């Protein structure tokens, strides 16, 4: 379990570590402009949008470990292309190739397979903490290594991390258990019309999309508009890292132990929205506060987002719901970079931030109306027959059920 969380964190570290300086680096390449720099920022996410669900389906039918190795190999190759690119279009191709290894949903499904109902929420929360920590580390390591040795070396580091991850899959991750679902697989339409899941999906879309925006505009605003040297960007990122580290356990404790998940979502969305309006003022103090507040809200939400998707989705919906959640988050990453690039090209960044802030207010309003996650009574049956399974299908107080390694697991409302 820990190794799967570590695998996810290493993969995200490899993708995130270039983000703090990528916009400045991309602007220095041949044929670069604000628009195609925005595309380069989010290109890996575009590949993820189209390939998350196919990778999930392949993982359902083939050995999950082999699927993970294929995905990590694509990350390795894409990182090499990025490292040796000398124009913006080669960089975009490399970023697309990096994202083609869309294994996030596969890892989530793997974690769900290896955990039981009582420990799954904690496992997803732990994974979210690992991801948020890798995100925080990237804010320090990216500017430090990139400013001293170059962003191309960060891509080479990502390639090495991909190779290490392949070894991790081969040597440390166990085979997935045998799971049988007795309810029909959920359709995508069923997932996309589930009101509570939609609110969670939109939360991931906004959180990840605005992450791209902040990573894109922060180095540009502080160096080009406020006159900072890129070597001084650590003065913004280090405080954000420290604040973010405190936010990590706070979000998990409030959501999982104190059962205040809705409060965590509303507070995080409010802070992220506030940061957008602060950034639109554009002076050193408000811009600095915007970065701090954004990353506090981001890190507070990260450990609980996928955990709540897993809780709300029924057993027969879980794999599709997690893959859909990942797909929508990556769509947010791509669109965040693309639209920020378009508005920056037309010198209208403040307008973009205000529009995003208004959308953020609607996001907060939707979350205020979100229903609390149901509490379930989980019962495991080792002795059962087909008649009992048929009875479960018609019982109103049964939320879902499935077999795992010969044990029948039932969630009662």
Protein backbone atom coordinates (compact mmCIF):
# COMPACT_ATOMS: atom_id res chain seq x y z
CA UNK A 1 0.00 0.00 0.00
CA UNK A 2 2.71 2.46 1.00
CA UNK A 3 4.64 1.59 -2.16
CA UNK A 4 1.63 2.45 -4.37
CA UNK A 5 1.26 5.80 -2.60
CA UNK A 6 5.00 6.35 -3.01
CA UNK A 7 4.73 5.45 -6.70
CA UNK A 8 1.97 8.02 -7.20
CA UNK A 9 3.96 10.65 -5.30
CA UNK A 10 7.17 10.04 -7.29
CA UNK A 11 5.25 10.25 -10.55
CA UNK A 12 3.66 13.55 -9.51
CA UNK A 13 6.99 14.90 -8.26
CA UNK A 14 8.46 14.21 -11.70
CA UNK A 15 5.61 16.08 -13.38
CA UNK A 16 5.38 18.93 -10.83
CA UNK A 17 9.08 19.65 -10.36
CA UNK A 18 9.37 21.50 -13.68
CA UNK A 19 6.23 23.59 -13.14
CA UNK A 20 7.61 26.50 -11.03
CA UNK A 21 10.05 27.54 -13.81
CA UNK A 22 8.52 25.92 -16.91
CA UNK A 23 6.75 29.04 -18.18
CA UNK A 24 9.97 31.10 -18.09
CA UNK A 25 11.95 28.25 -19.69
CA UNK A 26 9.36 27.68 -22.42
CA UNK A 27 9.27 31.40 -23.27
CA UNK A 28 13.02 31.24 -23.98
CA UNK A 29 12.60 28.54 -26.65
CA UNK A 30 12.32 29.12 -30.40
CA UNK A 31 8.80 30.00 -31.67
CA UNK A 32 7.43 30.49 -28.14
CA UNK A 33 4.59 32.88 -27.24
CA UNK A 34 2.19 33.14 -24.29
CA UNK A 35 -0.40 30.89 -25.92
CA UNK A 36 1.82 27.95 -26.87
CA UNK A 37 3.63 28.25 -23.53
CA UNK A 38 0.23 27.73 -21.90
CA UNK A 39 -0.26 24.67 -24.12
CA UNK A 40 3.16 23.34 -23.07
CA UNK A 41 2.24 23.82 -19.40
CA UNK A 42 -0.90 21.72 -19.74
CA UNK A 43 -0.06 19.40 -22.66
CA UNK A 44 0.69 16.37 -20.49
CA UNK A 45 -2.80 16.73 -19.01
CA UNK A 46 -4.41 16.66 -22.47
CA UNK A 47 -2.92 13.20 -23.06
CA UNK A 48 -4.20 12.15 -19.66
CA UNK A 49 -7.73 13.32 -20.53
CA UNK A 50 -7.92 10.97 -23.51
CA UNK A 51 -5.99 8.03 -22.05
CA UNK A 52 -7.08 7.77 -18.38
CA UNK A 53 -10.18 5.70 -19.14
CA UNK A 54 -8.49 3.45 -21.79
CA UNK A 55 -5.66 2.69 -19.34
CA UNK A 56 -8.28 1.91 -16.69
CA UNK A 57 -10.04 -0.53 -19.03
CA UNK A 58 -6.74 -2.19 -19.98
CA UNK A 59 -5.95 -2.60 -16.29
CA UNK A 60 -9.32 -4.33 -15.77
CA UNK A 61 -8.47 -6.90 -18.45
CA UNK A 62 -4.70 -7.34 -18.16
CA UNK A 63 -1.99 -7.49 -15.50
CA UNK A 64 -2.05 -4.14 -13.66
CA UNK A 65 1.71 -4.28 -13.04
CA UNK A 66 2.44 -4.50 -16.77
CA UNK A 67 0.11 -1.56 -17.45
CA UNK A 68 1.96 0.50 -14.82
CA UNK A 69 5.32 -0.30 -16.43
CA UNK A 70 4.04 0.75 -19.88
CA UNK A 71 2.77 4.06 -18.47
CA UNK A 72 6.01 4.81 -16.63
CA UNK A 73 8.04 3.98 -19.77
CA UNK A 74 6.09 6.65 -21.66
CA UNK A 75 6.85 9.14 -18.87
CA UNK A 76 10.55 8.24 -19.20
CA UNK A 77 10.59 8.73 -22.99
CA UNK A 78 8.61 11.97 -22.83
CA UNK A 79 10.97 13.40 -20.22
CA UNK A 80 13.97 12.71 -22.48
CA UNK A 81 12.26 14.45 -25.41
CA UNK A 82 11.57 17.50 -23.20
CA UNK A 83 15.14 17.56 -21.87
CA UNK A 84 16.65 17.78 -25.37
CA UNK A 85 14.01 20.02 -27.00
CA UNK A 86 15.24 23.27 -28.55
CA UNK A 87 11.90 24.70 -29.71
CA UNK A 88 8.44 25.04 -28.19
CA UNK A 89 6.82 22.44 -30.46
CA UNK A 90 9.28 19.68 -29.51
CA UNK A 91 8.68 20.58 -25.86
CA UNK A 92 4.90 20.31 -26.38
CA UNK A 93 5.36 16.89 -28.04
CA UNK A 94 7.50 15.73 -25.12
CA UNK A 95 4.90 16.95 -22.63
CA UNK A 96 2.17 15.08 -24.54
CA UNK A 97 4.31 11.94 -24.42
CA UNK A 98 4.90 12.40 -20.68
CA UNK A 99 1.17 12.50 -20.12
CA UNK A 100 0.45 9.50 -22.36
CA UNK A 101 1.34 7.21 -19.47
CA UNK A 102 -2.06 7.81 -17.88
CA UNK A 103 -1.77 5.42 -14.95
CA UNK A 104 -3.25 7.55 -12.17
CA UNK A 105 -6.60 5.75 -12.30
CA UNK A 106 -4.82 2.38 -12.43
CA UNK A 107 -2.93 3.18 -9.21
CA UNK A 108 -6.14 4.32 -7.51
CA UNK A 109 -7.93 1.12 -8.55
CA UNK A 110 -4.93 -0.90 -7.35
CA UNK A 111 -5.11 0.78 -3.93
CA UNK A 112 -8.86 0.09 -3.78
CA UNK A 113 -8.19 -3.59 -4.61
CA UNK A 114 -5.55 -4.00 -1.90
CA UNK A 115 -7.51 -2.33 0.92
CA UNK A 116 -10.72 -3.22 2.73
CA UNK A 117 -13.67 -0.90 3.35
CA UNK A 118 -12.49 0.08 6.82
CA UNK A 119 -8.98 1.12 5.76
CA UNK A 120 -9.61 2.40 2.22
CA UNK A 121 -10.48 5.97 3.19
CA UNK A 122 -7.27 6.21 5.25
CA UNK A 123 -5.29 4.73 2.35
CA UNK A 124 -6.64 7.31 -0.09
CA UNK A 125 -6.04 10.10 2.42
CA UNK A 126 -2.45 8.88 2.90
CA UNK A 127 -1.97 8.82 -0.86
CA UNK A 128 -3.31 12.37 -1.07
CA UNK A 129 -0.82 13.43 1.59
CA UNK A 130 2.01 11.81 -0.39
CA UNK A 131 0.89 13.69 -3.53
CA UNK A 132 0.58 17.00 -1.71
CA UNK A 133 4.02 16.48 -0.14
CA UNK A 134 5.53 15.80 -3.57
CA UNK A 135 3.78 18.95 -4.77
CA UNK A 136 5.31 20.91 -1.89
CA UNK A 137 8.79 19.47 -2.53
CA UNK A 138 8.53 20.43 -6.19
CA UNK A 139 8.05 24.07 -5.17
CA UNK A 140 11.46 23.98 -3.47
CA UNK A 141 13.47 21.57 -5.61
CA UNK A 142 12.19 22.92 -8.94
CA UNK A 143 13.31 26.55 -8.52
CA UNK A 144 16.53 25.55 -6.71
CA UNK A 145 17.77 22.93 -9.19
CA UNK A 146 16.27 24.62 -12.25
CA UNK A 147 17.74 28.05 -11.53
CA UNK A 148 21.21 26.60 -10.86
CA UNK A 149 21.52 23.85 -13.50
CA UNK A 150 18.68 24.52 -15.93
CA UNK A 151 15.13 23.27 -16.45
CA UNK A 152 16.39 20.66 -18.94
CA UNK A 153 18.14 18.94 -16.01
CA UNK A 154 14.80 18.76 -14.21
CA UNK A 155 13.42 16.76 -17.13
CA UNK A 156 16.41 14.41 -16.88
CA UNK A 157 15.69 14.03 -13.16
CA UNK A 158 12.09 13.14 -14.04
CA UNK A 159 13.39 10.45 -16.43
CA UNK A 160 15.47 8.97 -13.59
CA UNK A 161 12.45 9.05 -11.27
CA UNK A 162 10.45 7.16 -13.93
CA UNK A 163 13.14 4.44 -14.07
CA UNK A 164 13.15 4.17 -10.28
CA UNK A 165 9.35 3.86 -10.33
CA UNK A 166 9.55 0.99 -12.84
CA UNK A 167 11.90 -0.83 -10.45
CA UNK A 168 9.46 -0.13 -7.61
CA UNK A 169 6.60 -1.75 -9.55
CA UNK A 170 8.66 -4.84 -10.40
CA UNK A 171 10.27 -5.36 -6.99
CA UNK A 172 7.90 -4.04 -4.33
CA UNK A 173 4.25 -3.97 -5.43
CA UNK A 174 2.21 -7.16 -4.85
CA UNK A 175 -0.21 -8.74 -7.31
CA UNK A 176 -3.82 -7.49 -7.17
CA UNK A 177 -6.41 -9.70 -5.39
CA UNK A 178 -9.35 -11.35 -7.18
CA UNK A 179 -12.53 -9.23 -6.91
CA UNK A 180 -16.02 -10.13 -8.19
CA UNK A 181 -18.86 -7.59 -8.62
CA UNK A 182 -22.41 -8.95 -8.67
CA UNK A 183 -23.98 -5.64 -9.69
CA UNK A 184 -23.73 -4.45 -13.32
CA UNK A 185 -20.84 -2.11 -14.15
CA UNK A 186 -21.77 1.55 -13.98
CA UNK A 187 -22.13 3.44 -17.24
CA UNK A 188 -20.35 6.76 -17.78
CA UNK A 189 -23.78 8.43 -18.05
CA UNK A 190 -24.67 7.12 -14.60
CA UNK A 191 -21.47 8.60 -13.17
CA UNK A 192 -21.86 11.97 -14.91
CA UNK A 193 -25.46 12.40 -13.72
CA UNK A 194 -24.66 11.68 -10.06
CA UNK A 195 -25.10 15.12 -8.41
CA UNK A 196 -22.78 14.55 -5.46
CA UNK A 197 -20.03 13.02 -7.60
CA UNK A 198 -20.31 15.96 -10.01
CA UNK A 199 -19.57 18.39 -7.17
CA UNK A 200 -16.48 16.38 -6.27
CA UNK A 201 -15.41 16.19 -9.93
CA UNK A 202 -15.79 19.96 -10.33
CA UNK A 203 -13.76 20.50 -7.15
CA UNK A 204 -10.90 18.50 -8.68
CA UNK A 205 -11.28 20.38 -11.98
CA UNK A 206 -10.98 23.78 -10.27
CA UNK A 207 -8.22 22.75 -7.86
CA UNK A 208 -5.93 21.23 -10.50
CA UNK A 209 -6.77 23.77 -13.21
CA UNK A 210 -5.91 26.71 -10.97
CA UNK A 211 -2.73 24.93 -9.84
CA UNK A 212 -1.53 25.17 -13.46
CA UNK A 213 -2.56 28.83 -13.60
CA UNK A 214 -0.62 29.66 -10.43
CA UNK A 215 2.49 27.80 -11.53
CA UNK A 216 2.30 29.52 -14.91
CA UNK A 217 1.72 33.11 -13.81
CA UNK A 218 3.69 33.25 -10.52
CA UNK A 219 7.23 33.23 -12.02
CA UNK A 220 6.16 35.54 -14.85
CA UNK A 221 4.44 38.09 -12.58
CA UNK A 222 7.21 38.15 -9.98
CA UNK A 223 10.10 38.34 -12.48
CA UNK A 224 8.64 40.41 -15.32
CA UNK A 225 6.07 42.61 -13.55
CA UNK A 226 7.60 42.97 -10.09
CA UNK A 227 11.28 42.86 -11.10
CA UNK A 228 12.40 39.80 -9.11
CA UNK A 229 15.25 37.55 -10.21
CA UNK A 230 14.21 33.93 -10.79
CA UNK A 231 16.79 32.89 -8.16
CA UNK A 232 14.62 34.77 -5.62
CA UNK A 233 11.42 32.84 -6.32
CA UNK A 234 12.19 30.58 -3.36
CA UNK A 235 11.11 33.52 -1.16
CA UNK A 236 7.58 32.86 -2.39
CA UNK A 237 7.68 29.08 -2.70
CA UNK A 238 9.35 28.25 0.65
CA UNK A 239 6.68 30.01 2.79
CA UNK A 240 4.01 28.39 0.60
CA UNK A 241 5.67 25.02 1.26
CA UNK A 242 5.73 25.55 5.03
CA UNK A 243 2.09 26.64 5.15
CA UNK A 244 1.14 23.77 2.84
CA UNK A 245 2.77 21.20 5.13
CA UNK A 246 0.54 22.36 7.99
CA UNK A 247 -2.53 22.19 5.72
CA UNK A 248 -1.89 18.54 4.76
CA UNK A 249 -2.69 16.82 8.08
CA UNK A 250 -5.31 19.45 8.93
CA UNK A 251 -7.43 18.53 5.91
CA UNK A 252 -7.10 14.79 6.55
CA UNK A 253 -7.85 15.05 10.28
CA UNK A 254 -10.89 17.28 9.84
CA UNK A 255 -12.32 15.17 7.01
CA UNK A 256 -11.57 11.65 8.24
CA UNK A 257 -11.29 11.77 12.04
CA UNK A 258 -13.62 14.68 12.82
CA UNK A 259 -15.99 13.83 9.92
CA UNK A 260 -15.98 17.47 8.75
CA UNK A 261 -15.38 16.66 5.09
CA UNK A 262 -17.91 19.14 3.75
CA UNK A 263 -16.30 21.91 5.82
CA UNK A 264 -12.88 21.04 4.34
CA UNK A 265 -14.24 21.27 0.80
CA UNK A 266 -16.03 24.59 1.41
CA UNK A 267 -13.06 26.17 3.23
CA UNK A 268 -10.56 25.03 0.59
CA UNK A 269 -12.72 26.32 -2.26
CA UNK A 270 -13.20 29.64 -0.44
CA UNK A 271 -9.45 30.11 0.09
CA UNK A 272 -8.63 29.21 -3.52
CA UNK A 273 -11.28 31.66 -4.77
CA UNK A 274 -10.01 34.42 -2.46
CA UNK A 275 -6.48 33.92 -3.79
CA UNK A 276 -7.69 34.64 -7.34
CA UNK A 277 -9.10 38.03 -6.38
CA UNK A 278 -5.95 38.88 -4.40
CA UNK A 279 -3.74 38.04 -7.40
CA UNK A 280 -5.79 40.37 -9.61
CA UNK A 281 -4.73 43.37 -7.46
CA UNK A 282 -1.10 42.87 -8.55
CA UNK A 283 1.30 44.22 -5.97
CA UNK A 284 3.98 42.37 -4.02
CA UNK A 285 2.01 42.01 -0.78
CA UNK A 286 -1.28 40.80 -2.26
CA UNK A 287 0.47 38.55 -4.81
CA UNK A 288 2.54 36.97 -2.04
CA UNK A 289 -0.58 36.42 0.08
CA UNK A 290 -2.39 34.98 -2.94
CA UNK A 291 0.26 32.28 -3.40
CA UNK A 292 0.27 31.40 0.32
CA UNK A 293 -3.53 31.24 0.58
CA UNK A 294 -3.89 29.26 -2.65
CA UNK A 295 -1.44 26.54 -1.64
CA UNK A 296 -2.96 26.27 1.83
CA UNK A 297 -6.38 25.66 0.25
CA UNK A 298 -4.90 23.33 -2.37
CA UNK A 299 -3.03 21.16 0.14
CA UNK A 300 -5.97 21.03 2.52
CA UNK A 301 -8.19 19.57 -0.21
CA UNK A 302 -5.67 17.21 -1.82
CA UNK A 303 -5.64 14.43 0.84
CA UNK A 304 -9.44 14.05 0.87
CA UNK A 305 -10.57 14.56 -2.73
CA UNK A 306 -10.19 11.02 -4.11
CA UNK A 307 -11.10 9.52 -0.74
CA UNK A 308 -14.52 11.17 -0.98
CA UNK A 309 -15.01 10.03 -4.57
CA UNK A 310 -14.33 6.49 -3.36
CA UNK A 311 -16.80 6.86 -0.48
CA UNK A 312 -19.66 8.34 -2.52
CA UNK A 313 -19.35 5.91 -5.45
CA UNK A 314 -20.95 2.49 -5.14
CA UNK A 315 -18.72 -0.58 -5.46
CA UNK A 316 -19.73 -1.13 -9.09
CA UNK A 317 -19.12 2.58 -9.83
CA UNK A 318 -15.78 2.97 -8.06
CA UNK A 319 -13.32 2.25 -10.87
CA UNK A 320 -15.25 4.34 -13.41
CA UNK A 321 -15.78 7.15 -10.91
CA UNK A 322 -12.08 7.33 -9.98
CA UNK A 323 -11.00 7.27 -13.64
CA UNK A 324 -13.57 9.96 -14.47
CA UNK A 325 -12.39 12.07 -11.54
CA UNK A 326 -8.79 11.82 -12.75
CA UNK A 327 -9.82 12.62 -16.33
CA UNK A 328 -11.71 15.75 -15.28
CA UNK A 329 -8.82 16.91 -13.09
CA UNK A 330 -6.40 16.60 -16.01
CA UNK A 331 -8.86 18.43 -18.25
CA UNK A 332 -8.73 21.24 -15.69
CA UNK A 333 -4.92 21.24 -15.81
CA UNK A 334 -4.90 21.55 -19.60
CA UNK A 335 -7.65 24.18 -19.83
CA UNK A 336 -6.14 26.20 -16.97
CA UNK A 337 -2.85 26.54 -18.82
CA UNK A 338 -4.49 27.11 -22.22
CA UNK A 339 -6.91 29.84 -21.10
CA UNK A 340 -4.31 31.58 -18.94
CA UNK A 341 -2.04 31.64 -22.00
CA UNK A 342 -4.77 33.08 -24.24
CA UNK A 343 -5.65 35.86 -21.79
CA UNK A 344 -1.96 36.65 -21.14
CA UNK A 345 -1.30 36.88 -24.88
CA UNK A 346 -3.96 39.62 -25.03
CA UNK A 347 -2.69 41.33 -21.84
CA UNK A 348 -5.91 40.44 -20.00
CA UNK A 349 -4.62 38.28 -17.14
CA UNK A 350 -6.52 40.27 -14.49
CA UNK A 351 -9.77 39.73 -16.39
CA UNK A 352 -9.06 35.99 -16.46
CA UNK A 353 -8.43 35.96 -12.69
CA UNK A 354 -11.66 37.84 -11.96
CA UNK A 355 -13.71 35.53 -14.23
CA UNK A 356 -12.10 32.53 -12.52
CA UNK A 357 -12.92 34.07 -9.14
CA UNK A 358 -16.59 34.43 -10.10
CA UNK A 359 -16.64 30.76 -11.15
CA UNK A 360 -15.00 30.02 -7.81
CA UNK A 361 -17.88 31.72 -5.97
CA UNK A 362 -20.34 29.45 -7.82
CA UNK A 363 -18.15 26.48 -6.85
CA UNK A 364 -18.33 27.44 -3.16
CA UNK A 365 -22.12 27.85 -3.43
CA UNK A 366 -22.47 24.35 -4.93
CA UNK A 367 -20.35 22.83 -2.16
CA UNK A 368 -22.43 24.51 0.55
CA UNK A 369 -25.39 22.51 -0.81
CA UNK A 370 -23.39 19.26 -0.92
CA UNK A 371 -24.87 16.41 1.14
CA UNK A 372 -22.71 14.91 3.90
CA UNK A 373 -21.17 11.54 2.99
CA UNK A 374 -23.29 8.63 4.18
CA UNK A 375 -22.11 6.55 7.13
CA UNK A 376 -22.08 2.83 6.39
CA UNK A 377 -22.18 -0.30 8.49
CA UNK A 378 -19.70 -2.71 6.89
CA UNK A 379 -20.27 -6.44 7.32
CA UNK A 380 -18.10 -9.27 5.97
CA UNK A 381 -19.54 -12.72 5.27
CA UNK A 382 -17.32 -15.76 4.86
CA UNK A 383 -20.23 -18.22 4.54
CA UNK A 384 -22.88 -17.31 1.96
CA UNK A 385 -24.60 -18.72 -1.11
CA UNK A 386 -26.16 -17.50 -4.37
CA UNK A 387 -29.59 -17.09 -2.77
CA UNK A 388 -28.17 -14.69 -0.18
CA UNK A 389 -26.52 -12.64 -2.94
CA UNK A 390 -29.85 -12.43 -4.81
CA UNK A 391 -31.56 -11.25 -1.60
CA UNK A 392 -28.97 -8.48 -1.19
CA UNK A 393 -29.82 -7.14 -4.65
CA UNK A 394 -33.37 -6.33 -3.52
CA UNK A 395 -32.73 -5.11 0.04
CA UNK A 396 -33.30 -1.35 0.38
CA UNK A 397 -30.78 -0.86 3.19
CA UNK A 398 -27.92 -2.36 1.14
CA UNK A 399 -25.81 0.35 -0.52
CA UNK A 400 -23.46 -2.03 -2.36
CA UNK A 401 -21.61 -5.35 -2.07
CA UNK A 402 -18.84 -7.35 -3.73
CA UNK A 403 -16.63 -10.42 -3.25
CA UNK A 404 -12.92 -10.11 -2.47
CA UNK A 405 -10.77 -13.24 -2.22
CA UNK A 406 -13.81 -15.36 -1.30
CA UNK A 407 -15.24 -12.94 1.31
CA UNK A 408 -18.54 -11.12 0.68
CA UNK A 409 -18.36 -7.46 1.77
CA UNK A 410 -21.62 -5.52 2.24
CA UNK A 411 -22.11 -1.82 2.95
CA UNK A 412 -25.40 -1.20 4.77
CA UNK A 413 -26.94 2.27 4.98
